[in-house]
Amino acid sequence: MPPDPRKPWLRPMQYTREGEPPEPRDRPPPPVPSATVPAKLLDVVAVADLLGVCERSVWRWTHGGRLPAPVTIGRVRRWRADVIARWIDDNCPRR
């Protein structure tokens, strides 16, 4: 059965001469990740320390719309560090 021309990476390796390394297979390029650096996520303790307030204030400000909304992963809430930094740079506007 001849190899499928649509899938060149399935071809058997070919040897040119005895002792020489095989020719590299023609493979499709690896997928490029959508984001090269994952966003750093902060928990409520880290956000409170960064803002100089207690954890309860962070939750109160979040529910009141004063602080940017956290990202929910499962049952855990985290704030993106870049969003909090931008919020601080913009003089902490209401959301």
PDB file of N, CA and C in Angstrom:
ATOM      1  N   MET A   1       0.851  -1.173   0.000  1.00  0.00           N
ATOM      2  CA  MET A   1       0.000   0.000   0.000  1.00  0.00           C
ATOM      3  C   MET A   1       0.902   1.243   0.000  1.00  0.00           C
ATOM      4  N   PRO A   2       0.761   2.119  -0.998  1.00  0.00           N
ATOM      5  CA  PRO A   2       1.616   3.311  -1.054  1.00  0.00           C
ATOM      6  C   PRO A   2       1.225   4.301   0.039  1.00  0.00           C
ATOM      7  N   PRO A   3       2.179   5.132   0.479  1.00  0.00           N
ATOM      8  CA  PRO A   3       1.863   6.113   1.523  1.00  0.00           C
ATOM      9  C   PRO A   3       0.883   7.165   1.007  1.00  0.00           C
ATOM     10  N   ASP A   4       0.107   7.691   1.909  1.00  0.00           N
ATOM     11  CA  ASP A   4      -0.884   8.712   1.572  1.00  0.00           C
ATOM     12  C   ASP A   4      -0.153  10.018   1.262  1.00  0.00           C
ATOM     13  N   PRO A   5      -0.316  10.602   0.043  1.00  0.00           N
ATOM     14  CA  PRO A   5       0.404  11.831  -0.286  1.00  0.00           C
ATOM     15  C   PRO A   5      -0.059  13.031   0.536  1.00  0.00           C
ATOM     16  N   ARG A   6      -1.252  12.944   1.137  1.00  0.00           N
ATOM     17  CA  ARG A   6      -1.734  14.055   1.961  1.00  0.00           C
ATOM     18  C   ARG A   6      -1.088  14.065   3.341  1.00  0.00           C
ATOM     19  N   LYS A   7      -0.451  12.960   3.722  1.00  0.00           N
ATOM     20  CA  LYS A   7       0.179  12.855   5.040  1.00  0.00           C
ATOM     21  C   LYS A   7       1.636  12.440   4.858  1.00  0.00           C
ATOM     22  N   PRO A   8       2.500  13.388   4.447  1.00  0.00           N
ATOM     23  CA  PRO A   8       3.888  13.011   4.182  1.00  0.00           C
ATOM     24  C   PRO A   8       4.646  12.585   5.434  1.00  0.00           C
ATOM     25  N   TRP A   9       4.178  12.971   6.625  1.00  0.00           N
ATOM     26  CA  TRP A   9       4.892  12.588   7.847  1.00  0.00           C
ATOM     27  C   TRP A   9       4.690  11.117   8.192  1.00  0.00           C
ATOM     28  N   LEU A  10       3.787  10.443   7.481  1.00  0.00           N
ATOM     29  CA  LEU A  10       3.581   9.016   7.721  1.00  0.00           C
ATOM     30  C   LEU A  10       4.475   8.138   6.843  1.00  0.00           C
ATOM     31  N   ARG A  11       5.238   8.762   5.949  1.00  0.00           N
ATOM     32  CA  ARG A  11       6.134   7.984   5.096  1.00  0.00           C
ATOM     33  C   ARG A  11       7.187   7.296   5.944  1.00  0.00           C
ATOM     34  N   PRO A  12       7.593   6.104   5.567  1.00  0.00           N
ATOM     35  CA  PRO A  12       8.686   5.466   6.298  1.00  0.00           C
ATOM     36  C   PRO A  12       9.981   6.233   6.056  1.00  0.00           C
ATOM     37  N   MET A  13      10.876   6.210   7.038  1.00  0.00           N
ATOM     38  CA  MET A  13      12.156   6.903   6.900  1.00  0.00           C
ATOM     39  C   MET A  13      12.992   6.214   5.834  1.00  0.00           C
ATOM     40  N   GLN A  14      13.700   7.006   5.069  1.00  0.00           N
ATOM     41  CA  GLN A  14      14.527   6.465   4.003  1.00  0.00           C
ATOM     42  C   GLN A  14      15.990   6.652   4.370  1.00  0.00           C
ATOM     43  N   TYR A  15      16.783   5.630   4.130  1.00  0.00           N
ATOM     44  CA  TYR A  15      18.209   5.686   4.386  1.00  0.00           C
ATOM     45  C   TYR A  15      18.931   5.823   3.054  1.00  0.00           C
ATOM     46  N   THR A  16      19.910   6.715   3.002  1.00  0.00           N
ATOM     47  CA  THR A  16      20.643   6.904   1.753  1.00  0.00           C
ATOM     48  C   THR A  16      21.779   5.899   1.633  1.00  0.00           C
ATOM     49  N   ARG A  17      22.618   5.799   2.628  1.00  0.00           N
ATOM     50  CA  ARG A  17      23.725   4.848   2.643  1.00  0.00           C
ATOM     51  C   ARG A  17      23.875   4.297   4.047  1.00  0.00           C
ATOM     52  N   GLU A  18      24.562   3.231   4.128  1.00  0.00           N
ATOM     53  CA  GLU A  18      24.796   2.593   5.423  1.00  0.00           C
ATOM     54  C   GLU A  18      25.552   3.549   6.341  1.00  0.00           C
ATOM     55  N   GLY A  19      25.070   3.741   7.551  1.00  0.00           N
ATOM     56  CA  GLY A  19      25.761   4.554   8.547  1.00  0.00           C
ATOM     57  C   GLY A  19      25.369   6.021   8.537  1.00  0.00           C
ATOM     58  N   GLU A  20      24.704   6.489   7.490  1.00  0.00           N
ATOM     59  CA  GLU A  20      24.301   7.890   7.451  1.00  0.00           C
ATOM     60  C   GLU A  20      22.962   8.056   8.169  1.00  0.00           C
ATOM     61  N   PRO A  21      22.757   9.211   8.751  1.00  0.00           N
ATOM     62  CA  PRO A  21      21.474   9.417   9.440  1.00  0.00           C
ATOM     63  C   PRO A  21      20.332   9.443   8.434  1.00  0.00           C
ATOM     64  N   PRO A  22      19.155   9.098   8.872  1.00  0.00           N
ATOM     65  CA  PRO A  22      18.004   9.110   7.968  1.00  0.00           C
ATOM     66  C   PRO A  22      17.619  10.540   7.598  1.00  0.00           C
ATOM     67  N   GLU A  23      16.925  10.662   6.495  1.00  0.00           N
ATOM     68  CA  GLU A  23      16.429  11.968   6.079  1.00  0.00           C
ATOM     69  C   GLU A  23      15.323  12.397   7.042  1.00  0.00           C
ATOM     70  N   PRO A  24      15.259  13.681   7.335  1.00  0.00           N
ATOM     71  CA  PRO A  24      14.178  14.123   8.227  1.00  0.00           C
ATOM     72  C   PRO A  24      12.826  13.961   7.548  1.00  0.00           C
ATOM     73  N   ARG A  25      11.838  13.662   8.339  1.00  0.00           N
ATOM     74  CA  ARG A  25      10.482  13.518   7.814  1.00  0.00           C
ATOM     75  C   ARG A  25       9.889  14.896   7.557  1.00  0.00           C
ATOM     76  N   ASP A  26       9.068  14.939   6.571  1.00  0.00           N
ATOM     77  CA  ASP A  26       8.355  16.183   6.295  1.00  0.00           C
ATOM     78  C   ASP A  26       7.140  16.228   7.211  1.00  0.00           C
ATOM     79  N   ARG A  27       7.206  17.089   8.209  1.00  0.00           N
ATOM     80  CA  ARG A  27       6.113  17.194   9.176  1.00  0.00           C
ATOM     81  C   ARG A  27       5.520  18.587   9.119  1.00  0.00           C
ATOM     82  N   PRO A  28       4.271  18.684   9.439  1.00  0.00           N
ATOM     83  CA  PRO A  28       3.689  20.025   9.498  1.00  0.00           C
ATOM     84  C   PRO A  28       4.306  20.778  10.677  1.00  0.00           C
ATOM     85  N   PRO A  29       4.369  22.103  10.584  1.00  0.00           N
ATOM     86  CA  PRO A  29       4.948  22.863  11.692  1.00  0.00           C
ATOM     87  C   PRO A  29       4.106  22.703  12.950  1.00  0.00           C
ATOM     88  N   PRO A  30       4.745  22.787  14.119  1.00  0.00           N
ATOM     89  CA  PRO A  30       3.976  22.667  15.361  1.00  0.00           C
ATOM     90  C   PRO A  30       3.030  23.855  15.506  1.00  0.00           C
ATOM     91  N   PRO A  31       1.922  23.672  16.183  1.00  0.00           N
ATOM     92  CA  PRO A  31       0.984  24.780  16.347  1.00  0.00           C
ATOM     93  C   PRO A  31       1.596  25.890  17.190  1.00  0.00           C
ATOM     94  N   VAL A  32       1.293  27.108  16.828  1.00  0.00           N
ATOM     95  CA  VAL A  32       1.793  28.271  17.550  1.00  0.00           C
ATOM     96  C   VAL A  32       0.805  28.586  18.665  1.00  0.00           C
ATOM     97  N   PRO A  33       1.290  28.716  19.904  1.00  0.00           N
ATOM     98  CA  PRO A  33       0.364  29.032  20.993  1.00  0.00           C
ATOM     99  C   PRO A  33      -0.254  30.410  20.786  1.00  0.00           C
ATOM    100  N   SER A  34      -1.480  30.561  21.234  1.00  0.00           N
ATOM    101  CA  SER A  34      -2.180  31.830  21.036  1.00  0.00           C
ATOM    102  C   SER A  34      -1.563  32.949  21.872  1.00  0.00           C
ATOM    103  N   ALA A  35      -1.079  32.637  23.036  1.00  0.00           N
ATOM    104  CA  ALA A  35      -0.424  33.632  23.884  1.00  0.00           C
ATOM    105  C   ALA A  35       0.936  33.092  24.275  1.00  0.00           C
ATOM    106  N   THR A  36       1.966  33.882  24.066  1.00  0.00           N
ATOM    107  CA  THR A  36       3.301  33.396  24.379  1.00  0.00           C
ATOM    108  C   THR A  36       3.566  33.416  25.880  1.00  0.00           C
ATOM    109  N   VAL A  37       3.028  34.392  26.580  1.00  0.00           N
ATOM    110  CA  VAL A  37       3.235  34.482  28.019  1.00  0.00           C
ATOM    111  C   VAL A  37       1.871  34.443  28.696  1.00  0.00           C
ATOM    112  N   PRO A  38       1.640  33.461  29.558  1.00  0.00           N
ATOM    113  CA  PRO A  38       0.346  33.428  30.226  1.00  0.00           C
ATOM    114  C   PRO A  38       0.188  34.613  31.176  1.00  0.00           C
ATOM    115  N   ALA A  39      -1.025  35.085  31.299  1.00  0.00           N
ATOM    116  CA  ALA A  39      -1.300  36.206  32.187  1.00  0.00           C
ATOM    117  C   ALA A  39      -1.131  35.758  33.635  1.00  0.00           C
ATOM    118  N   LYS A  40      -0.502  36.604  34.422  1.00  0.00           N
ATOM    119  CA  LYS A  40      -0.329  36.282  35.832  1.00  0.00           C
ATOM    120  C   LYS A  40      -1.636  36.588  36.559  1.00  0.00           C
ATOM    121  N   LEU A  41      -2.072  35.646  37.364  1.00  0.00           N
ATOM    122  CA  LEU A  41      -3.323  35.800  38.102  1.00  0.00           C
ATOM    123  C   LEU A  41      -3.033  36.024  39.584  1.00  0.00           C
ATOM    124  N   LEU A  42      -3.759  36.942  40.185  1.00  0.00           N
ATOM    125  CA  LEU A  42      -3.574  37.289  41.596  1.00  0.00           C
ATOM    126  C   LEU A  42      -4.793  36.852  42.396  1.00  0.00           C
ATOM    127  N   ASP A  43      -4.546  36.305  43.577  1.00  0.00           N
ATOM    128  CA  ASP A  43      -5.662  35.958  44.455  1.00  0.00           C
ATOM    129  C   ASP A  43      -6.043  37.181  45.289  1.00  0.00           C
ATOM    130  N   VAL A  44      -7.063  37.046  46.113  1.00  0.00           N
ATOM    131  CA  VAL A  44      -7.577  38.177  46.881  1.00  0.00           C
ATOM    132  C   VAL A  44      -6.529  38.715  47.854  1.00  0.00           C
ATOM    133  N   VAL A  45      -5.687  37.844  48.403  1.00  0.00           N
ATOM    134  CA  VAL A  45      -4.649  38.283  49.339  1.00  0.00           C
ATOM    135  C   VAL A  45      -3.627  39.156  48.615  1.00  0.00           C
ATOM    136  N   ALA A  46      -3.211  38.734  47.419  1.00  0.00           N
ATOM    137  CA  ALA A  46      -2.223  39.499  46.656  1.00  0.00           C
ATOM    138  C   ALA A  46      -2.789  40.853  46.222  1.00  0.00           C
ATOM    139  N   VAL A  47      -4.048  40.874  45.810  1.00  0.00           N
ATOM    140  CA  VAL A  47      -4.670  42.142  45.405  1.00  0.00           C
ATOM    141  C   VAL A  47      -4.787  43.070  46.609  1.00  0.00           C
ATOM    142  N   ALA A  48      -5.182  42.522  47.755  1.00  0.00           N
ATOM    143  CA  ALA A  48      -5.302  43.335  48.969  1.00  0.00           C
ATOM    144  C   ALA A  48      -3.946  43.910  49.368  1.00  0.00           C
ATOM    145  N   ASP A  49      -2.897  43.100  49.309  1.00  0.00           N
ATOM    146  CA  ASP A  49      -1.552  43.590  49.635  1.00  0.00           C
ATOM    147  C   ASP A  49      -1.114  44.674  48.657  1.00  0.00           C
ATOM    148  N   LEU A  50      -1.406  44.469  47.387  1.00  0.00           N
ATOM    149  CA  LEU A  50      -1.018  45.428  46.358  1.00  0.00           C
ATOM    150  C   LEU A  50      -1.714  46.774  46.561  1.00  0.00           C
ATOM    151  N   LEU A  51      -2.973  46.734  46.991  1.00  0.00           N
ATOM    152  CA  LEU A  51      -3.740  47.962  47.179  1.00  0.00           C
ATOM    153  C   LEU A  51      -3.629  48.531  48.588  1.00  0.00           C
ATOM    154  N   GLY A  52      -3.068  47.767  49.518  1.00  0.00           N
ATOM    155  CA  GLY A  52      -2.917  48.239  50.889  1.00  0.00           C
ATOM    156  C   GLY A  52      -4.225  48.269  51.658  1.00  0.00           C
ATOM    157  N   VAL A  53      -5.108  47.323  51.350  1.00  0.00           N
ATOM    158  CA  VAL A  53      -6.398  47.237  52.041  1.00  0.00           C
ATOM    159  C   VAL A  53      -6.593  45.803  52.522  1.00  0.00           C
ATOM    160  N   CYS A  54      -7.678  45.570  53.264  1.00  0.00           N
ATOM    161  CA  CYS A  54      -7.966  44.212  53.720  1.00  0.00           C
ATOM    162  C   CYS A  54      -8.687  43.434  52.617  1.00  0.00           C
ATOM    163  N   GLU A  55      -8.744  42.127  52.780  1.00  0.00           N
ATOM    164  CA  GLU A  55      -9.382  41.258  51.786  1.00  0.00           C
ATOM    165  C   GLU A  55     -10.865  41.581  51.633  1.00  0.00           C
ATOM    166  N   ARG A  56     -11.505  41.900  52.735  1.00  0.00           N
ATOM    167  CA  ARG A  56     -12.937  42.223  52.686  1.00  0.00           C
ATOM    168  C   ARG A  56     -13.186  43.447  51.806  1.00  0.00           C
ATOM    169  N   SER A  57     -12.278  44.424  51.865  1.00  0.00           N
ATOM    170  CA  SER A  57     -12.428  45.618  51.021  1.00  0.00           C
ATOM    171  C   SER A  57     -12.330  45.264  49.545  1.00  0.00           C
ATOM    172  N   VAL A  58     -11.442  44.321  49.210  1.00  0.00           N
ATOM    173  CA  VAL A  58     -11.316  43.889  47.815  1.00  0.00           C
ATOM    174  C   VAL A  58     -12.634  43.296  47.342  1.00  0.00           C
ATOM    175  N   TRP A  59     -13.245  42.430  48.144  1.00  0.00           N
ATOM    176  CA  TRP A  59     -14.528  41.830  47.758  1.00  0.00           C
ATOM    177  C   TRP A  59     -15.634  42.880  47.685  1.00  0.00           C
ATOM    178  N   ARG A  60     -15.644  43.800  48.643  1.00  0.00           N
ATOM    179  CA  ARG A  60     -16.671  44.840  48.655  1.00  0.00           C
ATOM    180  C   ARG A  60     -16.534  45.742  47.425  1.00  0.00           C
ATOM    181  N   TRP A  61     -15.290  46.123  47.094  1.00  0.00           N
ATOM    182  CA  TRP A  61     -15.053  46.962  45.917  1.00  0.00           C
ATOM    183  C   TRP A  61     -15.414  46.218  44.631  1.00  0.00           C
ATOM    184  N   THR A  62     -15.142  44.911  44.598  1.00  0.00           N
ATOM    185  CA  THR A  62     -15.469  44.119  43.408  1.00  0.00           C
ATOM    186  C   THR A  62     -16.975  44.060  43.209  1.00  0.00           C
ATOM    187  N   HIS A  63     -17.716  43.741  44.267  1.00  0.00           N
ATOM    188  CA  HIS A  63     -19.173  43.635  44.164  1.00  0.00           C
ATOM    189  C   HIS A  63     -19.829  44.997  43.944  1.00  0.00           C
ATOM    190  N   GLY A  64     -19.182  46.053  44.408  1.00  0.00           N
ATOM    191  CA  GLY A  64     -19.715  47.401  44.212  1.00  0.00           C
ATOM    192  C   GLY A  64     -19.345  48.013  42.872  1.00  0.00           C
ATOM    193  N   GLY A  65     -18.537  47.333  42.079  1.00  0.00           N
ATOM    194  CA  GLY A  65     -18.157  47.846  40.772  1.00  0.00           C
ATOM    195  C   GLY A  65     -16.991  48.810  40.783  1.00  0.00           C
ATOM    196  N   ARG A  66     -16.315  48.933  41.906  1.00  0.00           N
ATOM    197  CA  ARG A  66     -15.178  49.848  41.985  1.00  0.00           C
ATOM    198  C   ARG A  66     -13.900  49.200  41.468  1.00  0.00           C
ATOM    199  N   LEU A  67     -13.766  47.898  41.636  1.00  0.00           N
ATOM    200  CA  LEU A  67     -12.577  47.144  41.230  1.00  0.00           C
ATOM    201  C   LEU A  67     -12.923  46.325  39.988  1.00  0.00           C
ATOM    202  N   PRO A  68     -11.966  46.119  39.072  1.00  0.00           N
ATOM    203  CA  PRO A  68     -12.254  45.277  37.897  1.00  0.00           C
ATOM    204  C   PRO A  68     -12.723  43.885  38.314  1.00  0.00           C
ATOM    205  N   ALA A  69     -13.568  43.307  37.497  1.00  0.00           N
ATOM    206  CA  ALA A  69     -14.132  41.983  37.791  1.00  0.00           C
ATOM    207  C   ALA A  69     -13.053  40.908  37.707  1.00  0.00           C
ATOM    208  N   PRO A  70     -13.092  39.930  38.605  1.00  0.00           N
ATOM    209  CA  PRO A  70     -12.115  38.842  38.556  1.00  0.00           C
ATOM    210  C   PRO A  70     -12.481  37.817  37.488  1.00  0.00           C
ATOM    211  N   VAL A  71     -11.507  36.983  37.162  1.00  0.00           N
ATOM    212  CA  VAL A  71     -11.711  35.852  36.261  1.00  0.00           C
ATOM    213  C   VAL A  71     -12.096  34.667  37.129  1.00  0.00           C
ATOM    214  N   THR A  72     -13.134  33.939  36.751  1.00  0.00           N
ATOM    215  CA  THR A  72     -13.560  32.771  37.516  1.00  0.00           C
ATOM    216  C   THR A  72     -13.099  31.515  36.806  1.00  0.00           C
ATOM    217  N   ILE A  73     -12.326  30.698  37.504  1.00  0.00           N
ATOM    218  CA  ILE A  73     -11.850  29.418  36.988  1.00  0.00           C
ATOM    219  C   ILE A  73     -12.386  28.357  37.936  1.00  0.00           C
ATOM    220  N   GLY A  74     -13.393  27.647  37.490  1.00  0.00           N
ATOM    221  CA  GLY A  74     -14.054  26.700  38.390  1.00  0.00           C
ATOM    222  C   GLY A  74     -14.777  27.472  39.476  1.00  0.00           C
ATOM    223  N   ARG A  75     -14.366  27.240  40.715  1.00  0.00           N
ATOM    224  CA  ARG A  75     -14.964  27.968  41.841  1.00  0.00           C
ATOM    225  C   ARG A  75     -13.991  28.977  42.429  1.00  0.00           C
ATOM    226  N   VAL A  76     -12.913  29.243  41.713  1.00  0.00           N
ATOM    227  CA  VAL A  76     -11.858  30.126  42.202  1.00  0.00           C
ATOM    228  C   VAL A  76     -11.891  31.433  41.418  1.00  0.00           C
ATOM    229  N   ARG A  77     -11.736  32.540  42.113  1.00  0.00           N
ATOM    230  CA  ARG A  77     -11.696  33.855  41.457  1.00  0.00           C
ATOM    231  C   ARG A  77     -10.307  34.439  41.588  1.00  0.00           C
ATOM    232  N   ARG A  78      -9.811  34.934  40.460  1.00  0.00           N
ATOM    233  CA  ARG A  78      -8.489  35.554  40.409  1.00  0.00           C
ATOM    234  C   ARG A  78      -8.577  36.817  39.561  1.00  0.00           C
ATOM    235  N   TRP A  79      -7.696  37.761  39.845  1.00  0.00           N
ATOM    236  CA  TRP A  79      -7.617  38.984  39.070  1.00  0.00           C
ATOM    237  C   TRP A  79      -6.370  38.927  38.200  1.00  0.00           C
ATOM    238  N   ARG A  80      -6.501  39.380  36.965  1.00  0.00           N
ATOM    239  CA  ARG A  80      -5.338  39.441  36.078  1.00  0.00           C
ATOM    240  C   ARG A  80      -4.453  40.584  36.543  1.00  0.00           C
ATOM    241  N   ALA A  81      -3.163  40.308  36.692  1.00  0.00           N
ATOM    242  CA  ALA A  81      -2.224  41.306  37.201  1.00  0.00           C
ATOM    243  C   ALA A  81      -2.146  42.513  36.273  1.00  0.00           C
ATOM    244  N   ASP A  82      -2.180  42.275  34.960  1.00  0.00           N
ATOM    245  CA  ASP A  82      -2.087  43.400  34.027  1.00  0.00           C
ATOM    246  C   ASP A  82      -3.323  44.301  34.097  1.00  0.00           C
ATOM    247  N   VAL A  83      -4.492  43.725  34.349  1.00  0.00           N
ATOM    248  CA  VAL A  83      -5.719  44.524  34.467  1.00  0.00           C
ATOM    249  C   VAL A  83      -5.675  45.374  35.735  1.00  0.00           C
ATOM    250  N   ILE A  84      -5.219  44.788  36.835  1.00  0.00           N
ATOM    251  CA  ILE A  84      -5.111  45.539  38.097  1.00  0.00           C
ATOM    252  C   ILE A  84      -4.074  46.651  37.960  1.00  0.00           C
ATOM    253  N   ALA A  85      -2.932  46.349  37.331  1.00  0.00           N
ATOM    254  CA  ALA A  85      -1.891  47.368  37.147  1.00  0.00           C
ATOM    255  C   ALA A  85      -2.411  48.522  36.291  1.00  0.00           C
ATOM    256  N   ARG A  86      -3.138  48.209  35.225  1.00  0.00           N
ATOM    257  CA  ARG A  86      -3.706  49.250  34.359  1.00  0.00           C
ATOM    258  C   ARG A  86      -4.747  50.070  35.128  1.00  0.00           C
ATOM    259  N   TRP A  87      -5.535  49.393  35.967  1.00  0.00           N
ATOM    260  CA  TRP A  87      -6.544  50.073  36.772  1.00  0.00           C
ATOM    261  C   TRP A  87      -5.882  51.053  37.742  1.00  0.00           C
ATOM    262  N   ILE A  88      -4.780  50.639  38.350  1.00  0.00           N
ATOM    263  CA  ILE A  88      -4.044  51.520  39.267  1.00  0.00           C
ATOM    264  C   ILE A  88      -3.438  52.689  38.495  1.00  0.00           C
ATOM    265  N   ASP A  89      -2.863  52.414  37.308  1.00  0.00           N
ATOM    266  CA  ASP A  89      -2.270  53.480  36.489  1.00  0.00           C
ATOM    267  C   ASP A  89      -3.310  54.505  36.045  1.00  0.00           C
ATOM    268  N   ASP A  90      -4.553  54.062  35.876  1.00  0.00           N
ATOM    269  CA  ASP A  90      -5.641  54.965  35.472  1.00  0.00           C
ATOM    270  C   ASP A  90      -6.285  55.654  36.675  1.00  0.00           C
ATOM    271  N   ASN A  91      -5.624  55.636  37.823  1.00  0.00           N
ATOM    272  CA  ASN A  91      -6.091  56.272  39.058  1.00  0.00           C
ATOM    273  C   ASN A  91      -7.366  55.644  39.605  1.00  0.00           C
ATOM    274  N   CYS A  92      -7.484  54.338  39.476  1.00  0.00           N
ATOM    275  CA  CYS A  92      -8.548  53.546  40.092  1.00  0.00           C
ATOM    276  C   CYS A  92      -9.955  54.045  39.764  1.00  0.00           C
ATOM    277  N   PRO A  93     -10.324  54.114  38.478  1.00  0.00           N
ATOM    278  CA  PRO A  93     -11.677  54.570  38.136  1.00  0.00           C
ATOM    279  C   PRO A  93     -12.725  53.525  38.495  1.00  0.00           C
ATOM    280  N   ARG A  94     -13.957  53.979  38.662  1.00  0.00           N
ATOM    281  CA  ARG A  94     -15.060  53.041  38.908  1.00  0.00           C
ATOM    282  C   ARG A  94     -15.323  52.254  37.646  1.00  0.00           C
ATOM    283  N   ARG A  95     -15.751  51.014  37.794  1.00  0.00           N
ATOM    284  CA  ARG A  95     -16.046  50.146  36.634  1.00  0.00           C
ATOM    285  C   ARG A  95     -17.508  50.136  36.348  1.00  0.00           C
TER     286      ARG A  95
END
